[in-house]
Amino acid sequence: MKHRGYLGLVRSHLDRQLKYGLADFGPSPSPMWMSSLDTRTGKYPENDSRPVHIPRRHYRAIDAPKGCSLYWDQPSCVAAHALSKITGEKSYGAAVDSYVSAFLERCIAKNGIFLWGNHYYWDAFQGKTLKFKGEEVPKSVDFEIENGDYHEARPIPPAWDLFWKVSPEKTEKEIRAYCLNSFFDLKTGGFNRHSDRKKGCAFIESGGIIAESLAWLYGKTNDKSLLDQANLIINYSFTEKGLETGLLVNNPTVTRWDKFASTTECGLWGGSLLRASACAGRKTEWIEKASSAVSAYLKYGYDESSDKYWGRLRVADGSPIIGKSESDKPNDISEKHQPLDYADIWRPLFPAHDYPMQFAECCLCIYEITGEEIYREACDRWVRQIKESLSDRNHGKYAEHYGRCIHFLLRFGKDSKNSEYLKLAQTLADEAVETLFDNGMFRGHPGEHRYDAVDGVGFLMLALLCLETDNEIDMMGMGW
């Protein structure tokens, strides 16, 4: 494929971010990366308010206002390490190592659990780690009593290699503590998205990531008890499914919409199981469980009349749950953060339990392993959905969505030797550059001169590096 200078754009972005966008000020200066930047200055925005016309991307303080969030920065950190490997310039990887080291010094509870993810971040202006539960104003962490009970790592599977490189001891302690504290029942494998040992929301995306983390650590330590824990969690989710349909329940432990529904989240879960299997020496039963869950969704989830996949299915009978819109109960978080009628590749809002491109990547992985035609057919359908979606994206053109689509098209295009798919990948990449490259760096979306880690710019940079080098990038433990 013809190279378009994407590597230079990634380098430009990181150069600007590392020169102007560090948390090297305030009461506790550090080499951590600010979560939001004004692309015109490269610094934290003087006015960090959100324009009312911009579709909401997230809820709570997930974007880490006035601070740093290594959890959401992981894709960019992986891209920086990749850039060092590609160019031989060690400064990018070294900057990541410094970031991780500073995080490990500031943001770990006494029991070893990382204070990151969906409920914690580092406030650079105050020089403090903050914690938030709902929509309330984040509060300072009291390290004397903090135990990381709101640790929630979803939907990005952690790039554990980033941390192991800096401190194997702290990385191992985090994984063991966070995963063990996610169980509320060690006999059944009952788990919670939070590390509080309580029976909360057992989202399958959370369970998959916990299991994947345990398997990753097994690959480093050869401690088979970790695989036993992973197996418990996997089986807990896998047994909660429709007897007639085989569709996985999204959240079996809390009675709300997702106790009776299945979504494309099963693809994110399946991807975690495939990576966990690789870490554990290719556990065939985990591959089979991933295949079973995804194939059930392929069977019931495809709407032939629209050539799309439904957003939600009734677990009991496989019928679609329809009639959902963005305006439904806008102040009810549990209602709003669920899929619309159809799986939506470009929807800004997350986490909404709808992961179309992660599902597509999982289909491709299973096809590569099994060669079964249903997964090849599913991949072709996802390509068609990408094509059809391009004419109607007024609600958002976010960096993460560009990156995920580009990577899937590139990978499947190469696998299937389909030049049209490869051409579409390059067309989307060029459009992403035209739309998002702004003042020498990438912004998260075209609505303002603003970079946000939570907008997934790192995924776009990773996809562009794959396109430029014509090779897969070492994801350092993180998955697509």
Protein backbone atom coordinates (compact mmCIF):
# COMPACT_ATOMS: atom_id res chain seq x y z
CA MET A 1 0.00 0.00 0.00
CA LYS A 2 1.10 3.56 -0.70
CA HIS A 3 2.41 5.30 2.38
CA ARG A 4 0.93 8.71 3.19
CA GLY A 5 3.28 10.07 5.85
CA TYR A 6 1.12 8.99 8.78
CA LEU A 7 4.19 8.25 10.88
CA GLY A 8 5.25 11.88 10.67
CA LEU A 9 1.82 13.01 11.88
CA VAL A 10 1.96 10.68 14.87
CA ARG A 11 5.43 11.97 15.66
CA SER A 12 4.22 15.58 15.38
CA HIS A 13 1.33 14.90 17.75
CA LEU A 14 3.49 13.26 20.39
CA ASP A 15 6.22 15.89 20.07
CA ARG A 16 3.68 18.62 20.77
CA GLN A 17 2.01 16.70 23.57
CA LEU A 18 5.29 15.92 25.31
CA LYS A 19 6.59 19.48 24.94
CA TYR A 20 3.53 21.38 26.16
CA GLY A 21 1.01 18.90 27.57
CA LEU A 22 2.65 17.50 30.70
CA ALA A 23 1.49 17.99 34.29
CA ASP A 24 4.79 19.70 35.11
CA PHE A 25 3.22 22.41 37.26
CA GLY A 26 1.17 22.78 40.42
CA PRO A 27 2.00 21.55 43.93
CA SER A 28 3.31 18.18 42.69
CA PRO A 29 4.86 18.58 39.21
CA SER A 30 5.20 15.35 37.26
CA PRO A 31 5.82 13.95 33.76
CA MET A 32 2.25 12.65 33.63
CA TRP A 33 0.19 13.62 30.57
CA MET A 34 -2.73 16.03 30.83
CA SER A 35 -5.96 14.37 29.75
CA SER A 36 -7.21 17.39 27.79
CA LEU A 37 -5.29 19.83 25.59
CA ASP A 38 -6.07 22.85 23.46
CA THR A 39 -4.61 21.93 20.07
CA ARG A 40 -3.79 25.58 19.41
CA THR A 41 -1.44 25.80 22.40
CA GLY A 42 -0.75 22.16 23.26
CA LYS A 43 -1.63 23.01 26.86
CA TYR A 44 -4.60 22.34 29.11
CA PRO A 45 -7.53 24.48 27.86
CA GLU A 46 -7.97 27.83 29.58
CA ASN A 47 -11.72 27.26 29.26
CA ASP A 48 -12.41 23.58 29.76
CA SER A 49 -16.21 23.81 29.58
CA ARG A 50 -18.04 21.67 27.01
CA PRO A 51 -19.99 23.37 24.19
CA VAL A 52 -23.67 22.43 24.37
CA HIS A 53 -23.80 21.47 20.69
CA ILE A 54 -21.16 18.74 21.06
CA PRO A 55 -22.67 15.25 21.57
CA ARG A 56 -21.84 13.95 25.03
CA ARG A 57 -19.01 11.42 24.92
CA HIS A 58 -19.05 10.14 28.49
CA TYR A 59 -20.63 10.57 31.89
CA ARG A 60 -19.27 11.44 35.31
CA ALA A 61 -15.77 12.93 35.49
CA ILE A 62 -14.34 10.14 33.35
CA ASP A 63 -12.44 12.67 31.22
CA ALA A 64 -10.34 13.65 34.28
CA PRO A 65 -10.97 17.42 34.32
CA LYS A 66 -7.82 19.39 35.17
CA GLY A 67 -5.93 16.17 35.50
CA CYS A 68 -4.41 13.00 34.11
CA SER A 69 -5.90 9.58 33.45
CA LEU A 70 -3.41 6.89 32.56
CA TYR A 71 -6.20 4.39 31.98
CA TRP A 72 -7.51 6.37 28.99
CA ASP A 73 -3.98 7.31 27.92
CA GLN A 74 -2.95 3.68 27.45
CA PRO A 75 -3.58 3.57 23.66
CA SER A 76 -1.44 6.70 23.20
CA CYS A 77 1.26 5.25 25.45
CA VAL A 78 1.32 2.06 23.39
CA ALA A 79 1.53 4.19 20.23
CA ALA A 80 4.46 6.14 21.70
CA HIS A 81 6.36 2.93 22.47
CA ALA A 82 5.60 1.71 18.95
CA LEU A 83 6.94 4.94 17.48
CA SER A 84 10.21 4.45 19.39
CA LYS A 85 10.53 0.92 18.01
CA ILE A 86 9.77 2.03 14.45
CA THR A 87 12.03 5.10 14.39
CA GLY A 88 14.75 4.08 16.84
CA GLU A 89 14.14 7.29 18.80
CA LYS A 90 13.93 6.17 22.42
CA SER A 91 12.52 9.42 23.78
CA TYR A 92 8.87 8.50 23.14
CA GLY A 93 9.02 5.21 25.01
CA ALA A 94 11.07 6.86 27.75
CA ALA A 95 8.36 9.51 28.19
CA VAL A 96 5.80 6.74 28.69
CA ASP A 97 8.01 5.01 31.25
CA SER A 98 8.33 8.29 33.16
CA TYR A 99 4.56 8.75 33.07
CA VAL A 100 3.93 5.23 34.37
CA SER A 101 6.56 5.65 37.09
CA ALA A 102 4.99 8.92 38.27
CA PHE A 103 1.56 7.30 38.30
CA LEU A 104 2.83 4.37 40.36
CA GLU A 105 4.29 6.81 42.89
CA ARG A 106 1.04 8.77 43.30
CA CYS A 107 -1.99 6.65 42.50
CA ILE A 108 -1.87 3.31 44.32
CA ALA A 109 -3.89 2.32 47.39
CA LYS A 110 -2.12 0.67 50.32
CA ASN A 111 -3.37 -2.75 49.21
CA GLY A 112 -1.72 -2.28 45.81
CA ILE A 113 -4.81 -1.48 43.74
CA PHE A 114 -4.31 1.17 41.06
CA LEU A 115 -6.51 4.23 41.51
CA TRP A 116 -7.52 4.66 37.89
CA GLY A 117 -10.26 3.80 35.42
CA ASN A 118 -13.83 5.03 35.65
CA HIS A 119 -13.77 6.49 39.17
CA TYR A 120 -10.28 7.88 39.91
CA TYR A 121 -7.77 10.27 38.39
CA TRP A 122 -4.86 12.56 39.24
CA ASP A 123 -5.72 16.27 39.56
CA ALA A 124 -2.60 18.15 38.42
CA PHE A 125 -3.79 21.53 39.65
CA GLN A 126 -4.39 20.27 43.19
CA GLY A 127 -1.63 17.68 43.17
CA LYS A 128 -4.05 15.04 44.48
CA THR A 129 -5.66 11.76 43.52
CA LEU A 130 -9.42 12.24 43.26
CA LYS A 131 -12.32 9.80 43.50
CA PHE A 132 -15.87 10.08 42.22
CA LYS A 133 -18.81 7.69 42.25
CA GLY A 134 -21.68 9.32 40.41
CA GLU A 135 -22.08 12.79 38.97
CA GLU A 136 -20.90 14.46 42.16
CA VAL A 137 -17.82 16.67 42.32
CA PRO A 138 -14.70 14.45 42.68
CA LYS A 139 -13.17 14.41 46.15
CA SER A 140 -9.64 13.88 47.44
CA VAL A 141 -8.61 10.32 48.21
CA ASP A 142 -7.75 9.59 51.83
CA PHE A 143 -4.89 7.12 51.43
CA GLU A 144 -5.20 6.03 55.06
CA ILE A 145 -8.54 4.35 54.36
CA GLU A 146 -8.68 4.05 50.56
CA ASN A 147 -8.74 0.45 49.29
CA GLY A 148 -9.55 0.96 45.63
CA ASP A 149 -13.12 -0.29 46.03
CA TYR A 150 -14.24 1.65 42.96
CA HIS A 151 -11.51 0.29 40.71
CA GLU A 152 -13.25 -0.26 37.36
CA ALA A 153 -11.19 -1.08 34.28
CA ARG A 154 -13.53 -1.15 31.29
CA PRO A 155 -13.83 -1.15 28.31
CA ILE A 156 -10.09 -0.99 27.50
CA PRO A 157 -8.16 -4.16 28.41
CA PRO A 158 -5.08 -2.85 30.25
CA ALA A 159 -1.73 -2.75 28.48
CA TRP A 160 -0.07 -4.57 31.35
CA ASP A 161 3.32 -4.68 29.59
CA LEU A 162 3.56 -0.90 30.08
CA PHE A 163 3.53 -1.38 33.84
CA TRP A 164 5.54 -4.59 34.03
CA LYS A 165 8.33 -2.80 32.18
CA VAL A 166 8.54 -0.20 34.96
CA SER A 167 7.65 -2.27 38.03
CA PRO A 168 6.83 -5.99 37.84
CA GLU A 169 6.20 -6.05 41.59
CA LYS A 170 3.58 -3.30 41.61
CA THR A 171 1.95 -4.66 38.47
CA GLU A 172 1.59 -8.14 39.93
CA LYS A 173 0.24 -6.76 43.20
CA GLU A 174 -2.36 -4.66 41.35
CA ILE A 175 -3.63 -7.54 39.25
CA ARG A 176 -3.84 -9.97 42.15
CA ALA A 177 -5.57 -7.46 44.45
CA TYR A 178 -7.97 -5.95 41.92
CA CYS A 179 -9.05 -9.29 40.51
CA LEU A 180 -9.45 -11.03 43.87
CA ASN A 181 -11.46 -8.11 45.26
CA SER A 182 -13.77 -8.26 42.24
CA PHE A 183 -15.18 -11.59 43.46
CA PHE A 184 -18.20 -11.58 45.73
CA ASP A 185 -18.41 -15.38 45.61
CA LEU A 186 -15.26 -17.44 45.06
CA LYS A 187 -17.26 -20.66 44.83
CA THR A 188 -19.47 -19.66 41.91
CA GLY A 189 -17.17 -17.09 40.32
CA GLY A 190 -19.62 -14.30 41.04
CA PHE A 191 -17.88 -10.99 40.36
CA ASN A 192 -18.46 -7.26 40.27
CA ARG A 193 -17.13 -4.55 37.94
CA HIS A 194 -15.84 -2.81 41.10
CA SER A 195 -13.17 -4.24 43.39
CA ASP A 196 -15.31 -4.12 46.51
CA ARG A 197 -16.25 -7.81 47.02
CA LYS A 198 -19.93 -6.81 46.75
CA LYS A 199 -22.63 -8.13 44.46
CA GLY A 200 -22.90 -5.27 42.00
CA CYS A 201 -22.96 -5.18 38.20
CA ALA A 202 -21.29 -8.24 36.66
CA PHE A 203 -20.89 -6.72 33.20
CA ILE A 204 -19.48 -9.34 30.86
CA GLU A 205 -16.97 -6.79 29.51
CA SER A 206 -15.60 -6.41 33.05
CA GLY A 207 -15.48 -10.16 33.57
CA GLY A 208 -13.62 -10.70 30.32
CA ILE A 209 -11.02 -8.09 31.19
CA ILE A 210 -10.54 -9.51 34.70
CA ALA A 211 -10.06 -13.01 33.27
CA GLU A 212 -7.68 -11.69 30.61
CA SER A 213 -5.64 -9.87 33.27
CA LEU A 214 -5.33 -13.03 35.36
CA ALA A 215 -4.24 -15.05 32.33
CA TRP A 216 -1.72 -12.35 31.39
CA LEU A 217 -0.18 -12.55 34.87
CA TYR A 218 -0.11 -16.34 34.62
CA GLY A 219 2.02 -15.90 31.51
CA LYS A 220 4.53 -13.99 33.64
CA THR A 221 4.43 -16.08 36.83
CA ASN A 222 3.24 -19.58 35.84
CA ASP A 223 0.94 -19.47 38.89
CA LYS A 224 -1.88 -21.83 37.90
CA SER A 225 -4.19 -20.53 40.62
CA LEU A 226 -4.60 -17.43 38.46
CA LEU A 227 -6.06 -19.57 35.67
CA ASP A 228 -8.45 -21.14 38.16
CA GLN A 229 -9.73 -17.67 39.08
CA ALA A 230 -10.01 -16.69 35.43
CA ASN A 231 -11.93 -19.86 34.66
CA LEU A 232 -14.38 -19.18 37.50
CA ILE A 233 -15.20 -15.73 36.13
CA ILE A 234 -15.48 -16.92 32.54
CA ASN A 235 -17.82 -19.76 33.51
CA TYR A 236 -19.93 -17.44 35.67
CA SER A 237 -20.71 -15.28 32.65
CA PHE A 238 -20.98 -18.20 30.24
CA THR A 239 -23.58 -20.05 32.31
CA GLU A 240 -25.79 -16.94 32.45
CA LYS A 241 -27.31 -17.25 28.99
CA GLY A 242 -30.55 -18.02 27.22
CA LEU A 243 -31.37 -21.72 27.38
CA GLU A 244 -32.91 -21.62 23.90
CA THR A 245 -30.68 -18.99 22.30
CA GLY A 246 -27.25 -19.28 23.89
CA LEU A 247 -27.14 -15.46 24.11
CA LEU A 248 -25.05 -14.18 27.01
CA VAL A 249 -26.74 -12.00 29.61
CA ASN A 250 -24.97 -8.65 29.76
CA ASN A 251 -25.37 -8.22 33.52
CA PRO A 252 -26.92 -11.13 35.44
CA THR A 253 -26.61 -9.75 38.97
CA VAL A 254 -28.76 -6.59 38.91
CA THR A 255 -32.41 -6.43 37.82
CA ARG A 256 -32.52 -3.78 35.14
CA TRP A 257 -32.60 -3.79 31.31
CA ASP A 258 -29.28 -5.63 30.88
CA LYS A 259 -30.33 -8.64 32.97
CA PHE A 260 -32.60 -9.64 30.11
CA ALA A 261 -30.57 -8.40 27.15
CA SER A 262 -27.55 -9.36 25.09
CA THR A 263 -25.52 -6.85 23.05
CA THR A 264 -22.37 -6.65 20.93
CA GLU A 265 -20.54 -6.48 24.27
CA CYS A 266 -20.25 -10.26 23.89
CA GLY A 267 -17.65 -9.52 21.19
CA LEU A 268 -15.54 -7.51 23.61
CA TRP A 269 -15.86 -10.41 26.07
CA GLY A 270 -14.91 -12.87 23.36
CA GLY A 271 -11.84 -10.85 22.41
CA SER A 272 -10.66 -10.93 26.02
CA LEU A 273 -11.10 -14.71 26.11
CA LEU A 274 -9.08 -15.16 22.92
CA ARG A 275 -6.19 -13.12 24.31
CA ALA A 276 -6.49 -14.90 27.65
CA SER A 277 -6.28 -18.21 25.82
CA ALA A 278 -3.08 -17.11 24.10
CA CYS A 279 -1.55 -16.13 27.47
CA ALA A 280 -2.56 -19.46 28.98
CA GLY A 281 -1.10 -21.64 26.25
CA ARG A 282 -4.13 -21.65 23.99
CA LYS A 283 -6.89 -22.97 26.22
CA THR A 284 -9.27 -24.47 23.67
CA GLU A 285 -12.31 -24.31 25.96
CA TRP A 286 -12.02 -20.53 26.23
CA ILE A 287 -11.85 -20.20 22.45
CA GLU A 288 -14.93 -22.40 22.18
CA LYS A 289 -16.83 -20.27 24.71
CA ALA A 290 -15.94 -17.08 22.82
CA SER A 291 -17.05 -18.69 19.58
CA SER A 292 -20.31 -19.90 21.12
CA ALA A 293 -21.22 -16.47 22.48
CA VAL A 294 -20.40 -14.60 19.28
CA SER A 295 -22.06 -17.13 16.97
CA ALA A 296 -25.28 -16.86 18.99
CA TYR A 297 -25.33 -13.11 18.42
CA LEU A 298 -24.59 -13.60 14.74
CA LYS A 299 -27.54 -15.98 14.51
CA TYR A 300 -30.13 -13.75 16.15
CA GLY A 301 -28.64 -10.29 15.82
CA TYR A 302 -28.52 -9.78 12.06
CA ASP A 303 -31.41 -7.87 10.46
CA GLU A 304 -31.39 -8.85 6.80
CA SER A 305 -33.79 -6.07 5.76
CA SER A 306 -31.40 -3.34 6.91
CA ASP A 307 -28.13 -5.29 6.58
CA LYS A 308 -27.35 -4.24 10.16
CA TYR A 309 -26.94 -5.88 13.55
CA TRP A 310 -29.48 -5.14 16.24
CA GLY A 311 -28.29 -3.21 19.29
CA ARG A 312 -30.08 -5.33 21.90
CA LEU A 313 -31.57 -8.81 21.85
CA ARG A 314 -33.88 -10.53 24.30
CA VAL A 315 -31.86 -13.33 25.81
CA ALA A 316 -34.91 -15.55 26.18
CA ASP A 317 -35.96 -15.70 22.52
CA GLY A 318 -33.43 -13.71 20.48
CA SER A 319 -35.92 -11.07 19.36
CA PRO A 320 -34.70 -7.47 18.98
CA ILE A 321 -35.48 -4.88 21.63
CA ILE A 322 -36.45 -1.79 19.65
CA GLY A 323 -37.80 1.68 20.28
CA LYS A 324 -34.72 3.24 21.89
CA SER A 325 -33.56 6.80 21.11
CA GLU A 326 -30.92 9.20 22.43
CA SER A 327 -33.65 11.36 24.00
CA ASP A 328 -35.14 8.59 26.14
CA LYS A 329 -34.84 9.46 29.83
CA PRO A 330 -31.77 11.71 29.33
CA ASN A 331 -31.17 12.01 33.08
CA ASP A 332 -31.34 8.27 33.81
CA ILE A 333 -27.81 6.94 33.39
CA SER A 334 -28.75 3.25 33.47
CA GLU A 335 -31.35 3.85 30.75
CA LYS A 336 -29.31 6.18 28.56
CA HIS A 337 -26.16 4.09 28.52
CA GLN A 338 -27.48 1.21 26.49
CA PRO A 339 -27.49 0.50 22.75
CA LEU A 340 -29.93 2.05 20.32
CA ASP A 341 -32.05 -0.07 17.98
CA TYR A 342 -29.03 -0.98 15.85
CA ALA A 343 -25.38 -1.35 16.77
CA ASP A 344 -23.89 2.07 16.02
CA ILE A 345 -20.27 2.27 14.86
CA TRP A 346 -20.00 6.06 15.24
CA ARG A 347 -22.10 6.80 18.32
CA PRO A 348 -20.17 9.22 20.56
CA LEU A 349 -21.63 8.12 23.90
CA PHE A 350 -19.82 5.41 25.85
CA PRO A 351 -19.66 3.08 27.68
CA ALA A 352 -23.11 2.17 26.35
CA HIS A 353 -22.64 -1.61 26.19
CA ASP A 354 -22.43 -1.40 22.41
CA TYR A 355 -19.06 -2.33 20.89
CA PRO A 356 -19.54 -2.93 17.14
CA MET A 357 -15.91 -2.81 16.05
CA GLN A 358 -14.64 -4.83 19.00
CA PHE A 359 -17.28 -7.38 17.99
CA ALA A 360 -16.05 -7.23 14.39
CA GLU A 361 -12.42 -7.71 15.48
CA CYS A 362 -13.48 -10.73 17.55
CA CYS A 363 -15.26 -12.22 14.52
CA LEU A 364 -12.08 -11.79 12.51
CA CYS A 365 -9.94 -13.40 15.24
CA ILE A 366 -12.25 -16.41 15.46
CA TYR A 367 -12.26 -16.72 11.67
CA GLU A 368 -8.45 -16.74 11.65
CA ILE A 369 -8.46 -19.49 14.29
CA THR A 370 -11.31 -21.68 13.02
CA GLY A 371 -11.76 -20.80 9.36
CA GLU A 372 -15.53 -21.06 9.84
CA GLU A 373 -17.43 -19.24 7.13
CA ILE A 374 -20.00 -17.61 9.44
CA TYR A 375 -17.27 -15.37 10.84
CA ARG A 376 -15.97 -14.45 7.39
CA GLU A 377 -19.54 -13.56 6.40
CA ALA A 378 -19.90 -11.46 9.54
CA CYS A 379 -16.70 -9.55 8.72
CA ASP A 380 -18.00 -8.79 5.22
CA ARG A 381 -21.22 -7.50 6.76
CA TRP A 382 -19.29 -5.22 9.11
CA VAL A 383 -17.39 -3.79 6.14
CA ARG A 384 -20.70 -3.04 4.42
CA GLN A 385 -21.97 -1.38 7.59
CA ILE A 386 -18.87 0.81 7.74
CA LYS A 387 -19.45 1.84 4.11
CA GLU A 388 -23.15 2.55 4.66
CA SER A 389 -22.48 4.54 7.83
CA LEU A 390 -20.16 7.03 6.17
CA SER A 391 -22.96 9.16 4.72
CA ASP A 392 -24.61 9.77 8.10
CA ARG A 393 -22.14 10.69 10.84
CA ASN A 394 -23.41 14.10 11.83
CA HIS A 395 -23.63 12.92 15.43
CA GLY A 396 -19.90 12.32 15.70
CA LYS A 397 -16.59 11.60 13.99
CA TYR A 398 -14.47 10.60 16.94
CA ALA A 399 -10.83 9.56 16.73
CA GLU A 400 -11.41 6.17 18.36
CA HIS A 401 -14.09 5.24 15.82
CA TYR A 402 -11.83 6.20 12.93
CA GLY A 403 -8.99 4.17 14.41
CA ARG A 404 -11.05 1.06 15.02
CA CYS A 405 -12.62 1.10 11.55
CA ILE A 406 -9.26 1.67 9.84
CA HIS A 407 -7.58 -1.15 11.73
CA PHE A 408 -10.37 -3.65 11.07
CA LEU A 409 -10.51 -2.80 7.36
CA LEU A 410 -6.73 -3.04 7.04
CA ARG A 411 -6.51 -6.35 8.86
CA PHE A 412 -9.46 -7.99 7.15
CA GLY A 413 -8.46 -6.56 3.79
CA LYS A 414 -5.05 -8.20 4.10
CA ASP A 415 -6.51 -11.48 5.38
CA SER A 416 -9.05 -11.68 2.56
CA LYS A 417 -6.74 -10.14 -0.06
CA ASN A 418 -9.49 -7.64 -0.83
CA SER A 419 -8.03 -4.49 -2.37
CA GLU A 420 -11.32 -2.59 -1.98
CA TYR A 421 -11.25 -3.06 1.78
CA LEU A 422 -7.64 -1.88 1.89
CA LYS A 423 -8.53 1.13 -0.23
CA LEU A 424 -11.39 1.99 2.12
CA ALA A 425 -9.00 1.80 5.09
CA GLN A 426 -6.71 4.30 3.43
CA THR A 427 -9.60 6.54 2.42
CA LEU A 428 -10.83 6.64 6.01
CA ALA A 429 -7.31 7.31 7.26
CA ASP A 430 -6.93 10.26 4.92
CA GLU A 431 -10.33 11.57 5.97
CA ALA A 432 -9.38 11.23 9.64
CA VAL A 433 -6.23 13.24 9.05
CA GLU A 434 -8.13 15.90 7.10
CA THR A 435 -10.81 16.08 9.79
CA LEU A 436 -8.82 15.75 13.00
CA PHE A 437 -5.21 16.86 12.46
CA ASP A 438 -5.21 20.38 13.85
CA ASN A 439 -2.26 22.65 14.62
CA GLY A 440 0.25 19.82 14.55
CA MET A 441 -1.69 17.33 16.64
CA PHE A 442 -4.84 15.22 16.58
CA ARG A 443 -8.02 16.46 18.16
CA GLY A 444 -10.64 14.04 19.43
CA HIS A 445 -13.47 15.19 17.17
CA PRO A 446 -14.06 18.02 14.67
CA GLY A 447 -16.33 20.13 16.89
CA GLU A 448 -13.58 22.04 18.73
CA HIS A 449 -9.82 22.57 18.94
CA ARG A 450 -9.45 20.03 21.68
CA TYR A 451 -7.63 16.79 22.37
CA ASP A 452 -9.10 14.47 24.99
CA ALA A 453 -7.55 11.15 25.95
CA VAL A 454 -11.03 9.73 26.43
CA ASP A 455 -11.80 10.39 22.74
CA GLY A 456 -9.44 7.60 21.73
CA VAL A 457 -6.80 9.49 19.74
CA GLY A 458 -4.36 6.74 20.70
CA PHE A 459 -6.40 4.17 18.76
CA LEU A 460 -6.26 6.39 15.69
CA MET A 461 -2.49 6.75 16.00
CA LEU A 462 -2.09 2.98 16.38
CA ALA A 463 -4.17 2.35 13.27
CA LEU A 464 -2.16 4.90 11.28
CA LEU A 465 1.09 3.25 12.36
CA CYS A 466 -0.28 -0.12 11.25
CA LEU A 467 -1.18 1.40 7.91
CA GLU A 468 2.17 3.14 7.49
CA THR A 469 4.31 0.15 8.41
CA ASP A 470 2.02 -2.50 6.90
CA ASN A 471 2.44 -4.47 10.13
CA GLU A 472 0.53 -5.09 13.33
CA ILE A 473 1.71 -3.04 16.30
CA ASP A 474 2.75 -4.66 19.58
CA MET A 475 -0.24 -3.72 21.76
CA MET A 476 1.71 -4.45 24.97
CA GLY A 477 -1.11 -6.58 26.38
CA MET A 478 -3.94 -4.32 25.28
CA GLY A 479 -6.44 -5.52 22.69
CA TRP A 480 -8.35 -3.98 19.84
